[in-house]
Amino acid sequence: MGGHHGEPYTVPHPSIYKVENVPQLVEVKEALGRQGLSDPWLRNEAWRYEKKGFGTHRSRLNTFMFRGLGVGFCAFLATIAVEYALGIGKGQGDHGHGHGHDDKKSH
């Protein structure tokens, strides 16, 4: 199961992620320190700021928003082509409204 190809994925060692390498997290650490607080789990957020491995916030957002756009558009075009080839949807603008009803109003 899972479709493993080639070498299995290796989990990076946690020591490669350091708060000191991320300016935003350094600011948080300093702000907490001014209040006499510390966050021992702050290092767990450092991976989110590694652009090489995970991209920027904008690139992740673009991937999330447009990941299936190409496949979806192709499926849309295929659906339209099949409907056109089978004659589905042709001339349906007149069906379902007004047929069998007398247009004259009785007074």
N, C-alpha and C. Protein backbone atom coordinates (compact mmCIF):
# COMPACT_ATOMS: atom_id res chain seq x y z
N MET A 1 0.83 -1.19 0.00
CA MET A 1 0.00 0.00 0.00
C MET A 1 0.87 1.25 0.00
N GLY A 2 0.33 2.32 -0.48
CA GLY A 2 1.02 3.59 -0.41
C GLY A 2 1.84 3.94 -1.62
N GLY A 3 2.20 2.99 -2.45
CA GLY A 3 2.92 3.28 -3.67
C GLY A 3 4.31 3.84 -3.45
N HIS A 4 5.13 3.18 -2.65
CA HIS A 4 6.48 3.66 -2.41
C HIS A 4 7.34 3.45 -3.65
N HIS A 5 7.97 4.49 -4.09
CA HIS A 5 8.86 4.42 -5.25
C HIS A 5 10.23 4.90 -4.80
N GLY A 6 11.24 4.13 -5.10
CA GLY A 6 12.59 4.55 -4.74
C GLY A 6 12.81 4.44 -3.24
N GLU A 7 13.59 5.38 -2.73
CA GLU A 7 13.91 5.35 -1.30
C GLU A 7 12.74 5.88 -0.48
N PRO A 8 12.56 5.33 0.70
CA PRO A 8 11.47 5.84 1.56
C PRO A 8 11.79 7.24 2.07
N TYR A 9 10.75 7.97 2.39
CA TYR A 9 10.91 9.33 2.91
C TYR A 9 11.61 9.28 4.26
N THR A 10 12.56 10.17 4.45
CA THR A 10 13.25 10.25 5.75
C THR A 10 12.81 11.53 6.45
N VAL A 11 12.49 11.39 7.69
CA VAL A 11 12.07 12.53 8.49
C VAL A 11 13.32 13.30 8.92
N PRO A 12 13.34 14.63 8.68
CA PRO A 12 14.52 15.40 9.08
C PRO A 12 14.65 15.47 10.60
N HIS A 13 15.88 15.56 11.05
CA HIS A 13 16.14 15.65 12.49
C HIS A 13 15.66 17.01 13.00
N PRO A 14 14.99 17.04 14.15
CA PRO A 14 14.43 18.30 14.65
C PRO A 14 15.48 19.38 14.93
N SER A 15 16.72 19.01 15.11
CA SER A 15 17.74 20.00 15.46
C SER A 15 18.06 20.93 14.28
N ILE A 16 17.63 20.59 13.06
CA ILE A 16 17.92 21.48 11.93
C ILE A 16 17.02 22.71 11.93
N TYR A 17 15.92 22.67 12.65
CA TYR A 17 15.01 23.80 12.73
C TYR A 17 15.33 24.60 13.98
N LYS A 18 15.78 25.84 13.78
CA LYS A 18 16.17 26.69 14.90
C LYS A 18 15.39 28.00 14.86
N VAL A 19 14.96 28.43 16.03
CA VAL A 19 14.22 29.68 16.15
C VAL A 19 15.11 30.84 15.68
N GLU A 20 16.40 30.76 15.93
CA GLU A 20 17.32 31.83 15.60
C GLU A 20 17.43 32.07 14.09
N ASN A 21 17.05 31.11 13.28
CA ASN A 21 17.12 31.24 11.82
C ASN A 21 15.88 31.90 11.23
N VAL A 22 14.88 32.17 12.07
CA VAL A 22 13.61 32.72 11.58
C VAL A 22 13.34 34.05 12.29
N PRO A 23 13.49 35.18 11.57
CA PRO A 23 13.31 36.49 12.22
C PRO A 23 11.95 36.66 12.91
N GLN A 24 10.88 36.13 12.30
CA GLN A 24 9.56 36.29 12.90
C GLN A 24 9.47 35.58 14.24
N LEU A 25 10.08 34.40 14.33
CA LEU A 25 10.05 33.65 15.59
C LEU A 25 10.97 34.27 16.62
N VAL A 26 12.05 34.90 16.18
CA VAL A 26 12.94 35.61 17.12
C VAL A 26 12.17 36.75 17.77
N GLU A 27 11.36 37.46 16.97
CA GLU A 27 10.54 38.54 17.52
C GLU A 27 9.57 38.01 18.58
N VAL A 28 8.94 36.89 18.29
CA VAL A 28 8.00 36.29 19.25
C VAL A 28 8.75 35.90 20.53
N LYS A 29 9.91 35.28 20.37
CA LYS A 29 10.70 34.85 21.53
C LYS A 29 11.10 36.04 22.40
N GLU A 30 11.53 37.13 21.74
CA GLU A 30 11.91 38.33 22.49
C GLU A 30 10.72 38.98 23.17
N ALA A 31 9.58 39.02 22.50
CA ALA A 31 8.37 39.60 23.10
C ALA A 31 7.93 38.79 24.32
N LEU A 32 8.01 37.48 24.22
CA LEU A 32 7.68 36.63 25.37
C LEU A 32 8.68 36.85 26.50
N GLY A 33 9.96 36.98 26.12
CA GLY A 33 11.01 37.19 27.13
C GLY A 33 10.81 38.49 27.90
N ARG A 34 10.35 39.54 27.23
CA ARG A 34 10.09 40.82 27.91
C ARG A 34 8.98 40.69 28.95
N GLN A 35 8.12 39.72 28.76
CA GLN A 35 7.03 39.50 29.72
C GLN A 35 7.37 38.40 30.72
N GLY A 36 8.60 37.90 30.66
CA GLY A 36 9.02 36.85 31.57
C GLY A 36 8.50 35.47 31.18
N LEU A 37 8.14 35.30 29.92
CA LEU A 37 7.59 34.03 29.46
C LEU A 37 8.52 33.39 28.43
N SER A 38 8.30 32.13 28.19
CA SER A 38 9.03 31.44 27.12
C SER A 38 8.11 30.37 26.54
N ASP A 39 8.37 30.02 25.30
CA ASP A 39 7.59 29.01 24.63
C ASP A 39 8.51 27.87 24.22
N PRO A 40 8.50 26.77 24.96
CA PRO A 40 9.40 25.67 24.62
C PRO A 40 9.05 24.99 23.30
N TRP A 41 7.87 25.23 22.77
CA TRP A 41 7.43 24.60 21.54
C TRP A 41 7.60 25.50 20.32
N LEU A 42 8.20 26.67 20.50
CA LEU A 42 8.35 27.63 19.42
C LEU A 42 9.15 27.05 18.25
N ARG A 43 10.12 26.21 18.55
CA ARG A 43 10.94 25.60 17.50
C ARG A 43 10.09 24.75 16.55
N ASN A 44 8.98 24.23 17.04
CA ASN A 44 8.12 23.39 16.20
C ASN A 44 7.45 24.17 15.07
N GLU A 45 7.51 25.49 15.13
CA GLU A 45 6.93 26.31 14.06
C GLU A 45 7.96 26.73 13.03
N ALA A 46 9.24 26.47 13.26
CA ALA A 46 10.31 26.94 12.38
C ALA A 46 10.22 26.34 10.98
N TRP A 47 9.76 25.11 10.86
CA TRP A 47 9.69 24.47 9.54
C TRP A 47 8.79 25.24 8.58
N ARG A 48 7.78 25.93 9.11
CA ARG A 48 6.84 26.65 8.26
C ARG A 48 7.51 27.80 7.50
N TYR A 49 8.63 28.27 8.00
CA TYR A 49 9.30 29.41 7.40
C TYR A 49 10.46 29.00 6.49
N GLU A 50 10.66 27.71 6.30
CA GLU A 50 11.73 27.24 5.42
C GLU A 50 11.24 27.28 3.98
N LYS A 51 11.67 28.30 3.24
CA LYS A 51 11.17 28.51 1.88
C LYS A 51 11.62 27.42 0.93
N LYS A 52 12.80 26.88 1.13
CA LYS A 52 13.31 25.86 0.22
C LYS A 52 12.44 24.61 0.22
N GLY A 53 12.03 24.18 1.38
CA GLY A 53 11.26 22.95 1.48
C GLY A 53 9.77 23.13 1.34
N PHE A 54 9.25 24.28 1.73
CA PHE A 54 7.80 24.44 1.79
C PHE A 54 7.28 25.66 1.05
N GLY A 55 8.16 26.44 0.44
CA GLY A 55 7.75 27.61 -0.32
C GLY A 55 7.33 28.75 0.57
N THR A 56 6.93 29.82 -0.07
CA THR A 56 6.45 30.98 0.67
C THR A 56 4.97 30.81 0.97
N HIS A 57 4.44 31.70 1.79
CA HIS A 57 3.01 31.65 2.11
C HIS A 57 2.20 31.80 0.82
N ARG A 58 2.62 32.71 -0.05
CA ARG A 58 1.90 32.94 -1.30
C ARG A 58 1.94 31.71 -2.20
N SER A 59 3.09 31.07 -2.30
CA SER A 59 3.17 29.88 -3.17
C SER A 59 2.33 28.74 -2.63
N ARG A 60 2.28 28.58 -1.31
CA ARG A 60 1.42 27.54 -0.73
C ARG A 60 -0.05 27.86 -0.96
N LEU A 61 -0.41 29.14 -0.87
CA LEU A 61 -1.80 29.55 -1.11
C LEU A 61 -2.18 29.31 -2.58
N ASN A 62 -1.28 29.67 -3.50
CA ASN A 62 -1.56 29.43 -4.93
C ASN A 62 -1.72 27.94 -5.20
N THR A 63 -0.87 27.12 -4.61
CA THR A 63 -1.00 25.68 -4.80
C THR A 63 -2.34 25.18 -4.27
N PHE A 64 -2.73 25.67 -3.11
CA PHE A 64 -4.00 25.26 -2.51
C PHE A 64 -5.19 25.68 -3.37
N MET A 65 -5.16 26.91 -3.88
CA MET A 65 -6.31 27.44 -4.61
C MET A 65 -6.43 26.88 -6.02
N PHE A 66 -5.30 26.62 -6.69
CA PHE A 66 -5.34 26.30 -8.11
C PHE A 66 -4.82 24.91 -8.45
N ARG A 67 -4.66 24.05 -7.47
CA ARG A 67 -4.07 22.72 -7.69
C ARG A 67 -4.81 21.92 -8.76
N GLY A 68 -6.11 21.86 -8.73
CA GLY A 68 -6.86 21.02 -9.66
C GLY A 68 -7.50 21.79 -10.80
N LEU A 69 -7.11 23.03 -11.00
CA LEU A 69 -7.76 23.86 -12.01
C LEU A 69 -7.60 23.28 -13.41
N GLY A 70 -6.41 22.84 -13.77
CA GLY A 70 -6.18 22.29 -15.11
C GLY A 70 -6.99 21.04 -15.37
N VAL A 71 -6.99 20.12 -14.42
CA VAL A 71 -7.75 18.88 -14.57
C VAL A 71 -9.25 19.18 -14.61
N GLY A 72 -9.69 20.08 -13.78
CA GLY A 72 -11.11 20.44 -13.76
C GLY A 72 -11.56 21.08 -15.05
N PHE A 73 -10.72 21.94 -15.61
CA PHE A 73 -11.08 22.59 -16.87
C PHE A 73 -11.12 21.58 -18.01
N CYS A 74 -10.19 20.65 -18.02
CA CYS A 74 -10.19 19.58 -19.04
C CYS A 74 -11.45 18.72 -18.91
N ALA A 75 -11.85 18.41 -17.69
CA ALA A 75 -13.08 17.63 -17.47
C ALA A 75 -14.30 18.41 -17.94
N PHE A 76 -14.30 19.70 -17.72
CA PHE A 76 -15.38 20.56 -18.19
C PHE A 76 -15.49 20.52 -19.71
N LEU A 77 -14.34 20.67 -20.39
CA LEU A 77 -14.35 20.63 -21.85
C LEU A 77 -14.79 19.26 -22.37
N ALA A 78 -14.35 18.19 -21.71
CA ALA A 78 -14.75 16.85 -22.13
C ALA A 78 -16.26 16.66 -21.97
N THR A 79 -16.81 17.17 -20.89
CA THR A 79 -18.26 17.08 -20.66
C THR A 79 -19.03 17.81 -21.75
N ILE A 80 -18.59 19.01 -22.08
CA ILE A 80 -19.25 19.78 -23.14
C ILE A 80 -19.15 19.04 -24.47
N ALA A 81 -17.99 18.46 -24.78
CA ALA A 81 -17.81 17.73 -26.05
C ALA A 81 -18.72 16.51 -26.11
N VAL A 82 -18.84 15.77 -25.03
CA VAL A 82 -19.70 14.58 -25.00
C VAL A 82 -21.16 14.99 -25.15
N GLU A 83 -21.58 16.03 -24.45
CA GLU A 83 -22.97 16.49 -24.58
C GLU A 83 -23.27 16.94 -26.00
N TYR A 84 -22.31 17.62 -26.61
CA TYR A 84 -22.50 18.08 -27.99
C TYR A 84 -22.58 16.88 -28.94
N ALA A 85 -21.70 15.90 -28.74
CA ALA A 85 -21.67 14.72 -29.61
C ALA A 85 -22.94 13.88 -29.49
N LEU A 86 -23.50 13.81 -28.30
CA LEU A 86 -24.71 13.01 -28.07
C LEU A 86 -25.99 13.79 -28.32
N GLY A 87 -25.87 15.07 -28.59
CA GLY A 87 -27.05 15.89 -28.86
C GLY A 87 -27.79 16.31 -27.60
N ILE A 88 -27.16 16.15 -26.47
CA ILE A 88 -27.79 16.55 -25.21
C ILE A 88 -27.66 18.06 -25.07
N GLY A 89 -28.75 18.71 -24.74
CA GLY A 89 -28.70 20.13 -24.51
C GLY A 89 -29.03 20.98 -25.74
N LYS A 90 -29.19 20.37 -26.89
CA LYS A 90 -29.53 21.14 -28.09
C LYS A 90 -31.02 21.48 -28.08
N GLY A 91 -31.33 22.69 -28.31
CA GLY A 91 -32.72 23.12 -28.45
C GLY A 91 -33.53 23.01 -27.18
N GLN A 92 -32.93 23.00 -26.05
CA GLN A 92 -33.68 22.86 -24.81
C GLN A 92 -34.13 24.21 -24.26
N GLY A 93 -33.79 25.27 -24.95
CA GLY A 93 -34.22 26.58 -24.48
C GLY A 93 -35.73 26.77 -24.55
N ASP A 94 -36.41 26.02 -25.45
CA ASP A 94 -37.85 26.18 -25.62
C ASP A 94 -38.65 25.15 -24.83
N HIS A 95 -38.04 24.16 -24.29
CA HIS A 95 -38.77 23.09 -23.62
C HIS A 95 -39.06 23.43 -22.16
N GLY A 96 -40.24 22.99 -21.75
CA GLY A 96 -40.57 23.09 -20.34
C GLY A 96 -41.32 24.33 -19.93
N HIS A 97 -41.49 25.29 -20.84
CA HIS A 97 -42.18 26.52 -20.46
C HIS A 97 -43.21 26.89 -21.51
N GLY A 98 -44.45 26.96 -21.11
CA GLY A 98 -45.48 27.50 -21.97
C GLY A 98 -46.13 26.52 -22.93
N HIS A 99 -45.64 25.34 -23.11
CA HIS A 99 -46.25 24.39 -24.04
C HIS A 99 -47.51 23.81 -23.39
N GLY A 100 -48.57 23.76 -24.19
CA GLY A 100 -49.81 23.18 -23.70
C GLY A 100 -50.67 24.17 -22.94
N HIS A 101 -50.26 25.39 -22.88
CA HIS A 101 -51.05 26.41 -22.19
C HIS A 101 -51.59 27.39 -23.19
N ASP A 102 -52.80 27.84 -22.92
CA ASP A 102 -53.39 28.83 -23.80
C ASP A 102 -52.85 30.19 -23.42
N ASP A 103 -52.30 30.91 -24.42
CA ASP A 103 -51.72 32.21 -24.15
C ASP A 103 -52.77 33.31 -23.97
N LYS A 104 -54.03 33.02 -24.38
CA LYS A 104 -55.08 34.03 -24.26
C LYS A 104 -55.62 34.03 -22.85
N LYS A 105 -55.79 35.21 -22.34
CA LYS A 105 -56.36 35.33 -20.99
C LYS A 105 -57.88 35.41 -21.11
N SER A 106 -58.59 34.70 -20.33
CA SER A 106 -60.04 34.77 -20.36
C SER A 106 -60.50 35.90 -19.48
N HIS A 107 -61.50 36.63 -19.99
CA HIS A 107 -62.00 37.78 -19.22
C HIS A 107 -63.33 37.48 -18.64
